[in-house]
Amino acid sequence: QVQLVESGGGSVQAGGSLRLSCAASGPTFIRYRMAWYRQPPGKEREFVARITRGGVITYYTDSVKGRFTISRDNAKNTVYLQMNSLKAEDTAVYYCAARDSDDGPYDYWGQGTQVTVSS
């Protein structure tokens, strides 16, 4: 079982940048496909980005394409979300998630980190 801890959230003005980190416990981080989700205020949680085990293939929701970059460092058991050109609508609690299957739901979730973008 993997445990996930997010960090790097905060408050920023529109147009600014933040980098989120998600540190995973355990020696088998490379087993897991990783993703970032977010939950805006008053809305349901939504997918943001995902990355394969080796970090070669990434996928993004349309609203963040060209602005956000997901990456991972398997030597550090960490996945990142670099967020540039932030908009007020990016305000949300951001969660990282992991699964060891090739498909299906994510099994493991962090506690979330708040990102607030002021316009």
PDB file of N, CA and C in Angstrom:
ATOM      1  N   GLN A   1       0.845  -1.182   0.000  1.00  0.00           N
ATOM      2  CA  GLN A   1       0.000   0.000   0.000  1.00  0.00           C
ATOM      3  C   GLN A   1       0.885   1.238   0.000  1.00  0.00           C
ATOM      4  N   VAL A   2       0.517   2.228  -0.780  1.00  0.00           N
ATOM      5  CA  VAL A   2       1.304   3.451  -0.881  1.00  0.00           C
ATOM      6  C   VAL A   2       0.562   4.572  -0.166  1.00  0.00           C
ATOM      7  N   GLN A   3       1.315   5.445   0.486  1.00  0.00           N
ATOM      8  CA  GLN A   3       0.754   6.641   1.104  1.00  0.00           C
ATOM      9  C   GLN A   3       1.260   7.859   0.354  1.00  0.00           C
ATOM     10  N   LEU A   4       0.364   8.818   0.155  1.00  0.00           N
ATOM     11  CA  LEU A   4       0.668   9.985  -0.669  1.00  0.00           C
ATOM     12  C   LEU A   4       0.498  11.258   0.136  1.00  0.00           C
ATOM     13  N   VAL A   5       1.457  12.167   0.014  1.00  0.00           N
ATOM     14  CA  VAL A   5       1.397  13.435   0.737  1.00  0.00           C
ATOM     15  C   VAL A   5       1.688  14.563  -0.240  1.00  0.00           C
ATOM     16  N   GLU A   6       0.687  15.432  -0.438  1.00  0.00           N
ATOM     17  CA  GLU A   6       0.856  16.571  -1.344  1.00  0.00           C
ATOM     18  C   GLU A   6       1.421  17.777  -0.605  1.00  0.00           C
ATOM     19  N   SER A   7       2.092  18.634  -1.354  1.00  0.00           N
ATOM     20  CA  SER A   7       2.581  19.906  -0.818  1.00  0.00           C
ATOM     21  C   SER A   7       2.725  20.890  -1.967  1.00  0.00           C
ATOM     22  N   GLY A   8       2.924  22.166  -1.616  1.00  0.00           N
ATOM     23  CA  GLY A   8       3.178  23.173  -2.639  1.00  0.00           C
ATOM     24  C   GLY A   8       2.013  24.067  -2.967  1.00  0.00           C
ATOM     25  N   GLY A   9       0.854  23.798  -2.375  1.00  0.00           N
ATOM     26  CA  GLY A   9      -0.281  24.662  -2.624  1.00  0.00           C
ATOM     27  C   GLY A   9      -0.091  26.037  -1.993  1.00  0.00           C
ATOM     28  N   GLY A  10      -1.000  26.942  -2.319  1.00  0.00           N
ATOM     29  CA  GLY A  10      -0.923  28.282  -1.762  1.00  0.00           C
ATOM     30  C   GLY A  10      -1.803  29.236  -2.530  1.00  0.00           C
ATOM     31  N   SER A  11      -1.583  30.524  -2.275  1.00  0.00           N
ATOM     32  CA  SER A  11      -2.353  31.580  -2.930  1.00  0.00           C
ATOM     33  C   SER A  11      -1.470  32.313  -3.925  1.00  0.00           C
ATOM     34  N   VAL A  12      -2.015  32.589  -5.090  1.00  0.00           N
ATOM     35  CA  VAL A  12      -1.241  33.244  -6.144  1.00  0.00           C
ATOM     36  C   VAL A  12      -2.194  34.091  -6.971  1.00  0.00           C
ATOM     37  N   GLN A  13      -1.660  35.123  -7.579  1.00  0.00           N
ATOM     38  CA  GLN A  13      -2.474  35.946  -8.468  1.00  0.00           C
ATOM     39  C   GLN A  13      -2.594  35.291  -9.838  1.00  0.00           C
ATOM     40  N   ALA A  14      -3.648  35.636 -10.533  1.00  0.00           N
ATOM     41  CA  ALA A  14      -3.850  35.124 -11.886  1.00  0.00           C
ATOM     42  C   ALA A  14      -2.634  35.441 -12.748  1.00  0.00           C
ATOM     43  N   GLY A  15      -2.237  34.437 -13.540  1.00  0.00           N
ATOM     44  CA  GLY A  15      -1.047  34.564 -14.360  1.00  0.00           C
ATOM     45  C   GLY A  15       0.204  34.010 -13.708  1.00  0.00           C
ATOM     46  N   GLY A  16       0.120  33.725 -12.429  1.00  0.00           N
ATOM     47  CA  GLY A  16       1.269  33.211 -11.693  1.00  0.00           C
ATOM     48  C   GLY A  16       1.440  31.717 -11.857  1.00  0.00           C
ATOM     49  N   SER A  17       2.412  31.181 -11.110  1.00  0.00           N
ATOM     50  CA  SER A  17       2.764  29.763 -11.201  1.00  0.00           C
ATOM     51  C   SER A  17       2.883  29.142  -9.824  1.00  0.00           C
ATOM     52  N   LEU A  18       2.638  27.866  -9.767  1.00  0.00           N
ATOM     53  CA  LEU A  18       2.878  27.056  -8.573  1.00  0.00           C
ATOM     54  C   LEU A  18       3.344  25.683  -9.034  1.00  0.00           C
ATOM     55  N   ARG A  19       4.122  25.021  -8.187  1.00  0.00           N
ATOM     56  CA  ARG A  19       4.474  23.631  -8.445  1.00  0.00           C
ATOM     57  C   ARG A  19       4.038  22.784  -7.268  1.00  0.00           C
ATOM     58  N   LEU A  20       3.177  21.840  -7.536  1.00  0.00           N
ATOM     59  CA  LEU A  20       2.733  20.895  -6.530  1.00  0.00           C
ATOM     60  C   LEU A  20       3.625  19.656  -6.547  1.00  0.00           C
ATOM     61  N   SER A  21       3.844  19.105  -5.373  1.00  0.00           N
ATOM     62  CA  SER A  21       4.599  17.864  -5.234  1.00  0.00           C
ATOM     63  C   SER A  21       3.734  16.845  -4.513  1.00  0.00           C
ATOM     64  N   CYS A  22       3.965  15.594  -4.832  1.00  0.00           N
ATOM     65  CA  CYS A  22       3.285  14.498  -4.142  1.00  0.00           C
ATOM     66  C   CYS A  22       4.328  13.439  -3.848  1.00  0.00           C
ATOM     67  N   ALA A  23       4.633  13.279  -2.570  1.00  0.00           N
ATOM     68  CA  ALA A  23       5.626  12.302  -2.150  1.00  0.00           C
ATOM     69  C   ALA A  23       4.939  10.999  -1.772  1.00  0.00           C
ATOM     70  N   ALA A  24       5.464   9.905  -2.298  1.00  0.00           N
ATOM     71  CA  ALA A  24       4.893   8.580  -2.044  1.00  0.00           C
ATOM     72  C   ALA A  24       5.806   7.773  -1.141  1.00  0.00           C
ATOM     73  N   SER A  25       5.193   7.024  -0.254  1.00  0.00           N
ATOM     74  CA  SER A  25       5.965   6.151   0.625  1.00  0.00           C
ATOM     75  C   SER A  25       6.230   4.821  -0.065  1.00  0.00           C
ATOM     76  N   GLY A  26       7.216   4.088   0.424  1.00  0.00           N
ATOM     77  CA  GLY A  26       7.450   2.740  -0.057  1.00  0.00           C
ATOM     78  C   GLY A  26       8.420   2.666  -1.214  1.00  0.00           C
ATOM     79  N   PRO A  27       8.991   1.486  -1.427  1.00  0.00           N
ATOM     80  CA  PRO A  27      10.041   1.299  -2.435  1.00  0.00           C
ATOM     81  C   PRO A  27       9.538   0.952  -3.815  1.00  0.00           C
ATOM     82  N   THR A  28       8.216   0.882  -3.996  1.00  0.00           N
ATOM     83  CA  THR A  28       7.693   0.385  -5.268  1.00  0.00           C
ATOM     84  C   THR A  28       6.943   1.454  -6.033  1.00  0.00           C
ATOM     85  N   PHE A  29       7.381   2.698  -5.912  1.00  0.00           N
ATOM     86  CA  PHE A  29       6.686   3.805  -6.553  1.00  0.00           C
ATOM     87  C   PHE A  29       6.522   3.591  -8.044  1.00  0.00           C
ATOM     88  N   ILE A  30       7.512   2.976  -8.680  1.00  0.00           N
ATOM     89  CA  ILE A  30       7.463   2.816 -10.130  1.00  0.00           C
ATOM     90  C   ILE A  30       6.344   1.878 -10.563  1.00  0.00           C
ATOM     91  N   ARG A  31       5.754   1.144  -9.645  1.00  0.00           N
ATOM     92  CA  ARG A  31       4.622   0.263  -9.962  1.00  0.00           C
ATOM     93  C   ARG A  31       3.367   1.061 -10.313  1.00  0.00           C
ATOM     94  N   TYR A  32       3.327   2.302  -9.850  1.00  0.00           N
ATOM     95  CA  TYR A  32       2.072   3.043  -9.869  1.00  0.00           C
ATOM     96  C   TYR A  32       1.975   4.046 -11.014  1.00  0.00           C
ATOM     97  N   ARG A  33       0.829   4.019 -11.665  1.00  0.00           N
ATOM     98  CA  ARG A  33       0.434   5.117 -12.547  1.00  0.00           C
ATOM     99  C   ARG A  33      -0.088   6.226 -11.634  1.00  0.00           C
ATOM    100  N   MET A  34       0.287   7.447 -11.919  1.00  0.00           N
ATOM    101  CA  MET A  34      -0.027   8.562 -11.039  1.00  0.00           C
ATOM    102  C   MET A  34      -0.899   9.585 -11.745  1.00  0.00           C
ATOM    103  N   ALA A  35      -1.660  10.323 -10.957  1.00  0.00           N
ATOM    104  CA  ALA A  35      -2.549  11.332 -11.532  1.00  0.00           C
ATOM    105  C   ALA A  35      -2.745  12.474 -10.536  1.00  0.00           C
ATOM    106  N   TRP A  36      -3.192  13.584 -11.079  1.00  0.00           N
ATOM    107  CA  TRP A  36      -3.647  14.715 -10.267  1.00  0.00           C
ATOM    108  C   TRP A  36      -5.126  14.950 -10.586  1.00  0.00           C
ATOM    109  N   TYR A  37      -5.882  15.163  -9.528  1.00  0.00           N
ATOM    110  CA  TYR A  37      -7.280  15.554  -9.625  1.00  0.00           C
ATOM    111  C   TYR A  37      -7.438  16.857  -8.854  1.00  0.00           C
ATOM    112  N   ARG A  38      -8.575  17.499  -9.030  1.00  0.00           N
ATOM    113  CA  ARG A  38      -8.868  18.705  -8.246  1.00  0.00           C
ATOM    114  C   ARG A  38     -10.363  18.791  -7.968  1.00  0.00           C
ATOM    115  N   GLN A  39     -10.692  19.492  -6.886  1.00  0.00           N
ATOM    116  CA  GLN A  39     -12.086  19.707  -6.525  1.00  0.00           C
ATOM    117  C   GLN A  39     -12.308  21.198  -6.291  1.00  0.00           C
ATOM    118  N   PRO A  40     -12.917  21.884  -7.264  1.00  0.00           N
ATOM    119  CA  PRO A  40     -13.213  23.304  -7.075  1.00  0.00           C
ATOM    120  C   PRO A  40     -14.291  23.489  -6.006  1.00  0.00           C
ATOM    121  N   PRO A  41     -14.394  24.659  -5.422  1.00  0.00           N
ATOM    122  CA  PRO A  41     -15.399  24.898  -4.387  1.00  0.00           C
ATOM    123  C   PRO A  41     -16.806  24.620  -4.898  1.00  0.00           C
ATOM    124  N   GLY A  42     -17.552  23.798  -4.161  1.00  0.00           N
ATOM    125  CA  GLY A  42     -18.931  23.510  -4.515  1.00  0.00           C
ATOM    126  C   GLY A  42     -19.122  22.583  -5.696  1.00  0.00           C
ATOM    127  N   LYS A  43     -18.029  21.994  -6.187  1.00  0.00           N
ATOM    128  CA  LYS A  43     -18.127  21.117  -7.357  1.00  0.00           C
ATOM    129  C   LYS A  43     -17.549  19.751  -7.041  1.00  0.00           C
ATOM    130  N   GLU A  44     -17.759  18.828  -7.974  1.00  0.00           N
ATOM    131  CA  GLU A  44     -17.229  17.484  -7.795  1.00  0.00           C
ATOM    132  C   GLU A  44     -15.751  17.439  -8.188  1.00  0.00           C
ATOM    133  N   ARG A  45     -15.073  16.434  -7.688  1.00  0.00           N
ATOM    134  CA  ARG A  45     -13.674  16.239  -8.042  1.00  0.00           C
ATOM    135  C   ARG A  45     -13.556  15.916  -9.522  1.00  0.00           C
ATOM    136  N   GLU A  46     -12.518  16.461 -10.167  1.00  0.00           N
ATOM    137  CA  GLU A  46     -12.332  16.272 -11.600  1.00  0.00           C
ATOM    138  C   GLU A  46     -10.889  15.929 -11.921  1.00  0.00           C
ATOM    139  N   PHE A  47     -10.723  15.197 -13.006  1.00  0.00           N
ATOM    140  CA  PHE A  47      -9.405  14.792 -13.467  1.00  0.00           C
ATOM    141  C   PHE A  47      -8.635  15.994 -14.007  1.00  0.00           C
ATOM    142  N   VAL A  48      -7.324  16.030 -13.734  1.00  0.00           N
ATOM    143  CA  VAL A  48      -6.458  17.083 -14.254  1.00  0.00           C
ATOM    144  C   VAL A  48      -5.402  16.517 -15.208  1.00  0.00           C
ATOM    145  N   ALA A  49      -4.622  15.533 -14.735  1.00  0.00           N
ATOM    146  CA  ALA A  49      -3.527  15.006 -15.552  1.00  0.00           C
ATOM    147  C   ALA A  49      -3.122  13.639 -15.024  1.00  0.00           C
ATOM    148  N   ARG A  50      -2.507  12.849 -15.887  1.00  0.00           N
ATOM    149  CA  ARG A  50      -1.990  11.563 -15.448  1.00  0.00           C
ATOM    150  C   ARG A  50      -0.683  11.266 -16.167  1.00  0.00           C
ATOM    151  N   ILE A  51       0.076  10.315 -15.613  1.00  0.00           N
ATOM    152  CA  ILE A  51       1.395   9.976 -16.159  1.00  0.00           C
ATOM    153  C   ILE A  51       1.637   8.494 -15.953  1.00  0.00           C
ATOM    154  N   THR A  52       2.278   7.880 -16.934  1.00  0.00           N
ATOM    155  CA  THR A  52       2.555   6.451 -16.852  1.00  0.00           C
ATOM    156  C   THR A  52       3.724   6.169 -15.923  1.00  0.00           C
ATOM    157  N   ARG A  53       3.962   4.883 -15.703  1.00  0.00           N
ATOM    158  CA  ARG A  53       4.949   4.491 -14.700  1.00  0.00           C
ATOM    159  C   ARG A  53       6.335   5.035 -15.007  1.00  0.00           C
ATOM    160  N   GLY A  54       6.728   4.981 -16.268  1.00  0.00           N
ATOM    161  CA  GLY A  54       8.057   5.454 -16.640  1.00  0.00           C
ATOM    162  C   GLY A  54       8.118   6.938 -16.899  1.00  0.00           C
ATOM    163  N   GLY A  55       6.972   7.599 -16.900  1.00  0.00           N
ATOM    164  CA  GLY A  55       6.933   9.046 -17.103  1.00  0.00           C
ATOM    165  C   GLY A  55       6.963   9.481 -18.549  1.00  0.00           C
ATOM    166  N   VAL A  56       6.827   8.527 -19.464  1.00  0.00           N
ATOM    167  CA  VAL A  56       6.954   8.859 -20.881  1.00  0.00           C
ATOM    168  C   VAL A  56       5.664   9.443 -21.442  1.00  0.00           C
ATOM    169  N   ILE A  57       4.542   8.894 -21.019  1.00  0.00           N
ATOM    170  CA  ILE A  57       3.252   9.294 -21.585  1.00  0.00           C
ATOM    171  C   ILE A  57       2.458  10.070 -20.552  1.00  0.00           C
ATOM    172  N   THR A  58       1.940  11.208 -20.998  1.00  0.00           N
ATOM    173  CA  THR A  58       1.117  12.047 -20.133  1.00  0.00           C
ATOM    174  C   THR A  58      -0.189  12.382 -20.839  1.00  0.00           C
ATOM    175  N   TYR A  59      -1.168  12.754 -20.055  1.00  0.00           N
ATOM    176  CA  TYR A  59      -2.485  13.106 -20.603  1.00  0.00           C
ATOM    177  C   TYR A  59      -3.084  14.171 -19.709  1.00  0.00           C
ATOM    178  N   TYR A  60      -3.770  15.158 -20.361  1.00  0.00           N
ATOM    179  CA  TYR A  60      -4.309  16.295 -19.625  1.00  0.00           C
ATOM    180  C   TYR A  60      -5.763  16.550 -19.996  1.00  0.00           C
ATOM    181  N   THR A  61      -6.493  17.087 -19.048  1.00  0.00           N
ATOM    182  CA  THR A  61      -7.803  17.587 -19.397  1.00  0.00           C
ATOM    183  C   THR A  61      -7.626  18.853 -20.243  1.00  0.00           C
ATOM    184  N   ASP A  62      -8.592  19.115 -21.101  1.00  0.00           N
ATOM    185  CA  ASP A  62      -8.435  20.199 -22.085  1.00  0.00           C
ATOM    186  C   ASP A  62      -8.174  21.556 -21.435  1.00  0.00           C
ATOM    187  N   SER A  63      -8.776  21.809 -20.299  1.00  0.00           N
ATOM    188  CA  SER A  63      -8.696  23.143 -19.708  1.00  0.00           C
ATOM    189  C   SER A  63      -7.305  23.502 -19.191  1.00  0.00           C
ATOM    190  N   VAL A  64      -6.419  22.516 -19.050  1.00  0.00           N
ATOM    191  CA  VAL A  64      -5.079  22.816 -18.528  1.00  0.00           C
ATOM    192  C   VAL A  64      -3.985  22.551 -19.556  1.00  0.00           C
ATOM    193  N   LYS A  65      -4.338  22.045 -20.720  1.00  0.00           N
ATOM    194  CA  LYS A  65      -3.335  21.758 -21.739  1.00  0.00           C
ATOM    195  C   LYS A  65      -2.560  23.021 -22.110  1.00  0.00           C
ATOM    196  N   GLY A  66      -1.240  22.868 -22.173  1.00  0.00           N
ATOM    197  CA  GLY A  66      -0.389  24.005 -22.506  1.00  0.00           C
ATOM    198  C   GLY A  66      -0.029  24.870 -21.316  1.00  0.00           C
ATOM    199  N   ARG A  67      -0.675  24.657 -20.172  1.00  0.00           N
ATOM    200  CA  ARG A  67      -0.398  25.453 -18.967  1.00  0.00           C
ATOM    201  C   ARG A  67       0.177  24.601 -17.845  1.00  0.00           C
ATOM    202  N   PHE A  68      -0.278  23.360 -17.718  1.00  0.00           N
ATOM    203  CA  PHE A  68       0.157  22.468 -16.653  1.00  0.00           C
ATOM    204  C   PHE A  68       1.047  21.371 -17.227  1.00  0.00           C
ATOM    205  N   THR A  69       2.000  20.922 -16.425  1.00  0.00           N
ATOM    206  CA  THR A  69       2.871  19.818 -16.816  1.00  0.00           C
ATOM    207  C   THR A  69       3.002  18.843 -15.656  1.00  0.00           C
ATOM    208  N   ILE A  70       2.663  17.585 -15.915  1.00  0.00           N
ATOM    209  CA  ILE A  70       2.860  16.538 -14.917  1.00  0.00           C
ATOM    210  C   ILE A  70       4.175  15.834 -15.210  1.00  0.00           C
ATOM    211  N   SER A  71       4.901  15.516 -14.154  1.00  0.00           N
ATOM    212  CA  SER A  71       6.169  14.802 -14.306  1.00  0.00           C
ATOM    213  C   SER A  71       6.394  13.963 -13.055  1.00  0.00           C
ATOM    214  N   ARG A  72       7.380  13.089 -13.107  1.00  0.00           N
ATOM    215  CA  ARG A  72       7.683  12.265 -11.941  1.00  0.00           C
ATOM    216  C   ARG A  72       9.166  11.998 -11.883  1.00  0.00           C
ATOM    217  N   ASP A  73       9.643  11.809 -10.669  1.00  0.00           N
ATOM    218  CA  ASP A  73      11.022  11.422 -10.409  1.00  0.00           C
ATOM    219  C   ASP A  73      10.963  10.130  -9.617  1.00  0.00           C
ATOM    220  N   ASN A  74      11.163   9.011 -10.284  1.00  0.00           N
ATOM    221  CA  ASN A  74      11.019   7.719  -9.614  1.00  0.00           C
ATOM    222  C   ASN A  74      12.116   7.481  -8.576  1.00  0.00           C
ATOM    223  N   ALA A  75      13.243   8.141  -8.728  1.00  0.00           N
ATOM    224  CA  ALA A  75      14.307   8.005  -7.729  1.00  0.00           C
ATOM    225  C   ALA A  75      13.939   8.704  -6.424  1.00  0.00           C
ATOM    226  N   LYS A  76      13.057   9.702  -6.515  1.00  0.00           N
ATOM    227  CA  LYS A  76      12.630  10.449  -5.331  1.00  0.00           C
ATOM    228  C   LYS A  76      11.211  10.090  -4.897  1.00  0.00           C
ATOM    229  N   ASN A  77      10.595   9.121  -5.571  1.00  0.00           N
ATOM    230  CA  ASN A  77       9.220   8.719  -5.232  1.00  0.00           C
ATOM    231  C   ASN A  77       8.271   9.916  -5.224  1.00  0.00           C
ATOM    232  N   THR A  78       8.405  10.773  -6.209  1.00  0.00           N
ATOM    233  CA  THR A  78       7.630  12.012  -6.214  1.00  0.00           C
ATOM    234  C   THR A  78       7.046  12.289  -7.599  1.00  0.00           C
ATOM    235  N   VAL A  79       5.819  12.777  -7.603  1.00  0.00           N
ATOM    236  CA  VAL A  79       5.184  13.258  -8.817  1.00  0.00           C
ATOM    237  C   VAL A  79       4.904  14.739  -8.646  1.00  0.00           C
ATOM    238  N   TYR A  80       5.024  15.481  -9.725  1.00  0.00           N
ATOM    239  CA  TYR A  80       4.887  16.932  -9.687  1.00  0.00           C
ATOM    240  C   TYR A  80       3.776  17.397 -10.615  1.00  0.00           C
ATOM    241  N   LEU A  81       3.261  18.581 -10.318  1.00  0.00           N
ATOM    242  CA  LEU A  81       2.364  19.265 -11.228  1.00  0.00           C
ATOM    243  C   LEU A  81       2.819  20.725 -11.290  1.00  0.00           C
ATOM    244  N   GLN A  82       3.448  21.076 -12.402  1.00  0.00           N
ATOM    245  CA  GLN A  82       3.844  22.456 -12.624  1.00  0.00           C
ATOM    246  C   GLN A  82       2.667  23.189 -13.254  1.00  0.00           C
ATOM    247  N   MET A  83       2.231  24.254 -12.604  1.00  0.00           N
ATOM    248  CA  MET A  83       1.051  24.987 -13.054  1.00  0.00           C
ATOM    249  C   MET A  83       1.455  26.414 -13.393  1.00  0.00           C
ATOM    250  N   ASN A  84       1.338  26.765 -14.660  1.00  0.00           N
ATOM    251  CA  ASN A  84       1.677  28.104 -15.139  1.00  0.00           C
ATOM    252  C   ASN A  84       0.433  28.811 -15.647  1.00  0.00           C
ATOM    253  N   SER A  85       0.530  30.123 -15.806  1.00  0.00           N
ATOM    254  CA  SER A  85      -0.590  30.920 -16.328  1.00  0.00           C
ATOM    255  C   SER A  85      -1.884  30.594 -15.596  1.00  0.00           C
ATOM    256  N   LEU A  86      -1.816  30.582 -14.285  1.00  0.00           N
ATOM    257  CA  LEU A  86      -2.964  30.178 -13.481  1.00  0.00           C
ATOM    258  C   LEU A  86      -4.127  31.148 -13.647  1.00  0.00           C
ATOM    259  N   LYS A  87      -5.324  30.583 -13.590  1.00  0.00           N
ATOM    260  CA  LYS A  87      -6.558  31.341 -13.723  1.00  0.00           C
ATOM    261  C   LYS A  87      -7.395  31.166 -12.459  1.00  0.00           C
ATOM    262  N   ALA A  88      -8.339  32.067 -12.261  1.00  0.00           N
ATOM    263  CA  ALA A  88      -9.204  31.970 -11.082  1.00  0.00           C
ATOM    264  C   ALA A  88      -9.935  30.630 -11.063  1.00  0.00           C
ATOM    265  N   GLU A  89     -10.290  30.122 -12.218  1.00  0.00           N
ATOM    266  CA  GLU A  89     -11.026  28.853 -12.277  1.00  0.00           C
ATOM    267  C   GLU A  89     -10.163  27.636 -11.945  1.00  0.00           C
ATOM    268  N   ASP A  90      -8.871  27.835 -11.754  1.00  0.00           N
ATOM    269  CA  ASP A  90      -8.007  26.748 -11.298  1.00  0.00           C
ATOM    270  C   ASP A  90      -8.056  26.600  -9.773  1.00  0.00           C
ATOM    271  N   THR A  91      -8.737  27.504  -9.097  1.00  0.00           N
ATOM    272  CA  THR A  91      -8.871  27.417  -7.648  1.00  0.00           C
ATOM    273  C   THR A  91      -9.559  26.115  -7.256  1.00  0.00           C
ATOM    274  N   ALA A  92      -8.912  25.337  -6.397  1.00  0.00           N
ATOM    275  CA  ALA A  92      -9.438  24.019  -6.023  1.00  0.00           C
ATOM    276  C   ALA A  92      -8.519  23.402  -4.976  1.00  0.00           C
ATOM    277  N   VAL A  93      -9.010  22.322  -4.393  1.00  0.00           N
ATOM    278  CA  VAL A  93      -8.132  21.437  -3.641  1.00  0.00           C
ATOM    279  C   VAL A  93      -7.584  20.415  -4.632  1.00  0.00           C
ATOM    280  N   TYR A  94      -6.269  20.278  -4.678  1.00  0.00           N
ATOM    281  CA  TYR A  94      -5.618  19.374  -5.616  1.00  0.00           C
ATOM    282  C   TYR A  94      -5.180  18.102  -4.890  1.00  0.00           C
ATOM    283  N   TYR A  95      -5.497  16.967  -5.503  1.00  0.00           N
ATOM    284  CA  TYR A  95      -5.184  15.667  -4.938  1.00  0.00           C
ATOM    285  C   TYR A  95      -4.299  14.870  -5.890  1.00  0.00           C
ATOM    286  N   CYS A  96      -3.342  14.156  -5.347  1.00  0.00           N
ATOM    287  CA  CYS A  96      -2.656  13.184  -6.184  1.00  0.00           C
ATOM    288  C   CYS A  96      -3.229  11.802  -5.887  1.00  0.00           C
ATOM    289  N   ALA A  97      -3.120  10.937  -6.886  1.00  0.00           N
ATOM    290  CA  ALA A  97      -3.712   9.615  -6.807  1.00  0.00           C
ATOM    291  C   ALA A  97      -2.793   8.608  -7.474  1.00  0.00           C
ATOM    292  N   ALA A  98      -2.918   7.353  -7.039  1.00  0.00           N
ATOM    293  CA  ALA A  98      -2.081   6.289  -7.578  1.00  0.00           C
ATOM    294  C   ALA A  98      -2.909   5.034  -7.822  1.00  0.00           C
ATOM    295  N   ARG A  99      -2.513   4.288  -8.840  1.00  0.00           N
ATOM    296  CA  ARG A  99      -3.103   2.966  -9.063  1.00  0.00           C
ATOM    297  C   ARG A  99      -2.011   2.069  -9.611  1.00  0.00           C
ATOM    298  N   ASP A 100      -2.070   0.774  -9.264  1.00  0.00           N
ATOM    299  CA  ASP A 100      -1.069  -0.141  -9.813  1.00  0.00           C
ATOM    300  C   ASP A 100      -1.625  -0.969 -10.957  1.00  0.00           C
ATOM    301  N   SER A 101      -2.911  -0.764 -11.276  1.00  0.00           N
ATOM    302  CA  SER A 101      -3.485  -1.420 -12.438  1.00  0.00           C
ATOM    303  C   SER A 101      -3.309  -0.529 -13.665  1.00  0.00           C
ATOM    304  N   ASP A 102      -3.450  -1.136 -14.849  1.00  0.00           N
ATOM    305  CA  ASP A 102      -3.317  -0.359 -16.083  1.00  0.00           C
ATOM    306  C   ASP A 102      -4.543   0.492 -16.368  1.00  0.00           C
ATOM    307  N   ASP A 103      -5.660   0.125 -15.772  1.00  0.00           N
ATOM    308  CA  ASP A 103      -6.900   0.853 -16.018  1.00  0.00           C
ATOM    309  C   ASP A 103      -7.765   0.784 -14.771  1.00  0.00           C
ATOM    310  N   GLY A 104      -8.882   1.492 -14.791  1.00  0.00           N
ATOM    311  CA  GLY A 104      -9.780   1.458 -13.658  1.00  0.00           C
ATOM    312  C   GLY A 104      -9.552   2.605 -12.710  1.00  0.00           C
ATOM    313  N   PRO A 105     -10.225   2.574 -11.564  1.00  0.00           N
ATOM    314  CA  PRO A 105     -10.149   3.692 -10.618  1.00  0.00           C
ATOM    315  C   PRO A 105      -8.797   3.758  -9.920  1.00  0.00           C
ATOM    316  N   TYR A 106      -8.500   4.950  -9.413  1.00  0.00           N
ATOM    317  CA  TYR A 106      -7.303   5.112  -8.600  1.00  0.00           C
ATOM    318  C   TYR A 106      -7.604   4.630  -7.185  1.00  0.00           C
ATOM    319  N   ASP A 107      -6.652   3.881  -6.656  1.00  0.00           N
ATOM    320  CA  ASP A 107      -6.884   3.210  -5.375  1.00  0.00           C
ATOM    321  C   ASP A 107      -6.407   4.015  -4.183  1.00  0.00           C
ATOM    322  N   TYR A 108      -5.424   4.877  -4.401  1.00  0.00           N
ATOM    323  CA  TYR A 108      -4.790   5.577  -3.292  1.00  0.00           C
ATOM    324  C   TYR A 108      -4.834   7.083  -3.543  1.00  0.00           C
ATOM    325  N   TRP A 109      -5.109   7.822  -2.467  1.00  0.00           N
ATOM    326  CA  TRP A 109      -5.284   9.265  -2.588  1.00  0.00           C
ATOM    327  C   TRP A 109      -4.543   9.981  -1.467  1.00  0.00           C
ATOM    328  N   GLY A 110      -4.038  11.170  -1.798  1.00  0.00           N
ATOM    329  CA  GLY A 110      -3.477  12.017  -0.759  1.00  0.00           C
ATOM    330  C   GLY A 110      -4.567  12.819  -0.076  1.00  0.00           C
ATOM    331  N   GLN A 111      -4.152  13.666   0.854  1.00  0.00           N
ATOM    332  CA  GLN A 111      -5.106  14.443   1.643  1.00  0.00           C
ATOM    333  C   GLN A 111      -5.508  15.743   0.963  1.00  0.00           C
ATOM    334  N   GLY A 112      -4.771  16.136  -0.067  1.00  0.00           N
ATOM    335  CA  GLY A 112      -5.107  17.337  -0.814  1.00  0.00           C
ATOM    336  C   GLY A 112      -4.313  18.550  -0.377  1.00  0.00           C
ATOM    337  N   THR A 113      -4.148  19.479  -1.315  1.00  0.00           N
ATOM    338  CA  THR A 113      -3.499  20.754  -1.012  1.00  0.00           C
ATOM    339  C   THR A 113      -4.285  21.862  -1.721  1.00  0.00           C
ATOM    340  N   GLN A 114      -4.508  22.951  -0.995  1.00  0.00           N
ATOM    341  CA  GLN A 114      -5.357  24.029  -1.508  1.00  0.00           C
ATOM    342  C   GLN A 114      -4.566  24.947  -2.446  1.00  0.00           C
ATOM    343  N   VAL A 115      -5.158  25.231  -3.589  1.00  0.00           N
ATOM    344  CA  VAL A 115      -4.615  26.232  -4.522  1.00  0.00           C
ATOM    345  C   VAL A 115      -5.686  27.305  -4.712  1.00  0.00           C
ATOM    346  N   THR A 116      -5.318  28.542  -4.436  1.00  0.00           N
ATOM    347  CA  THR A 116      -6.245  29.665  -4.591  1.00  0.00           C
ATOM    348  C   THR A 116      -5.637  30.684  -5.541  1.00  0.00           C
ATOM    349  N   VAL A 117      -6.367  30.983  -6.608  1.00  0.00           N
ATOM    350  CA  VAL A 117      -5.896  31.939  -7.606  1.00  0.00           C
ATOM    351  C   VAL A 117      -6.829  33.147  -7.585  1.00  0.00           C
ATOM    352  N   SER A 118      -6.273  34.301  -7.309  1.00  0.00           N
ATOM    353  CA  SER A 118      -7.083  35.514  -7.245  1.00  0.00           C
ATOM    354  C   SER A 118      -6.928  36.299  -8.550  1.00  0.00           C
ATOM    355  N   SER A 119      -8.028  36.865  -8.978  1.00  0.00           N
ATOM    356  CA  SER A 119      -8.020  37.608 -10.255  1.00  0.00           C
ATOM    357  C   SER A 119      -7.878  39.104 -10.012  1.00  0.00           C
TER     358      SER A 119
END
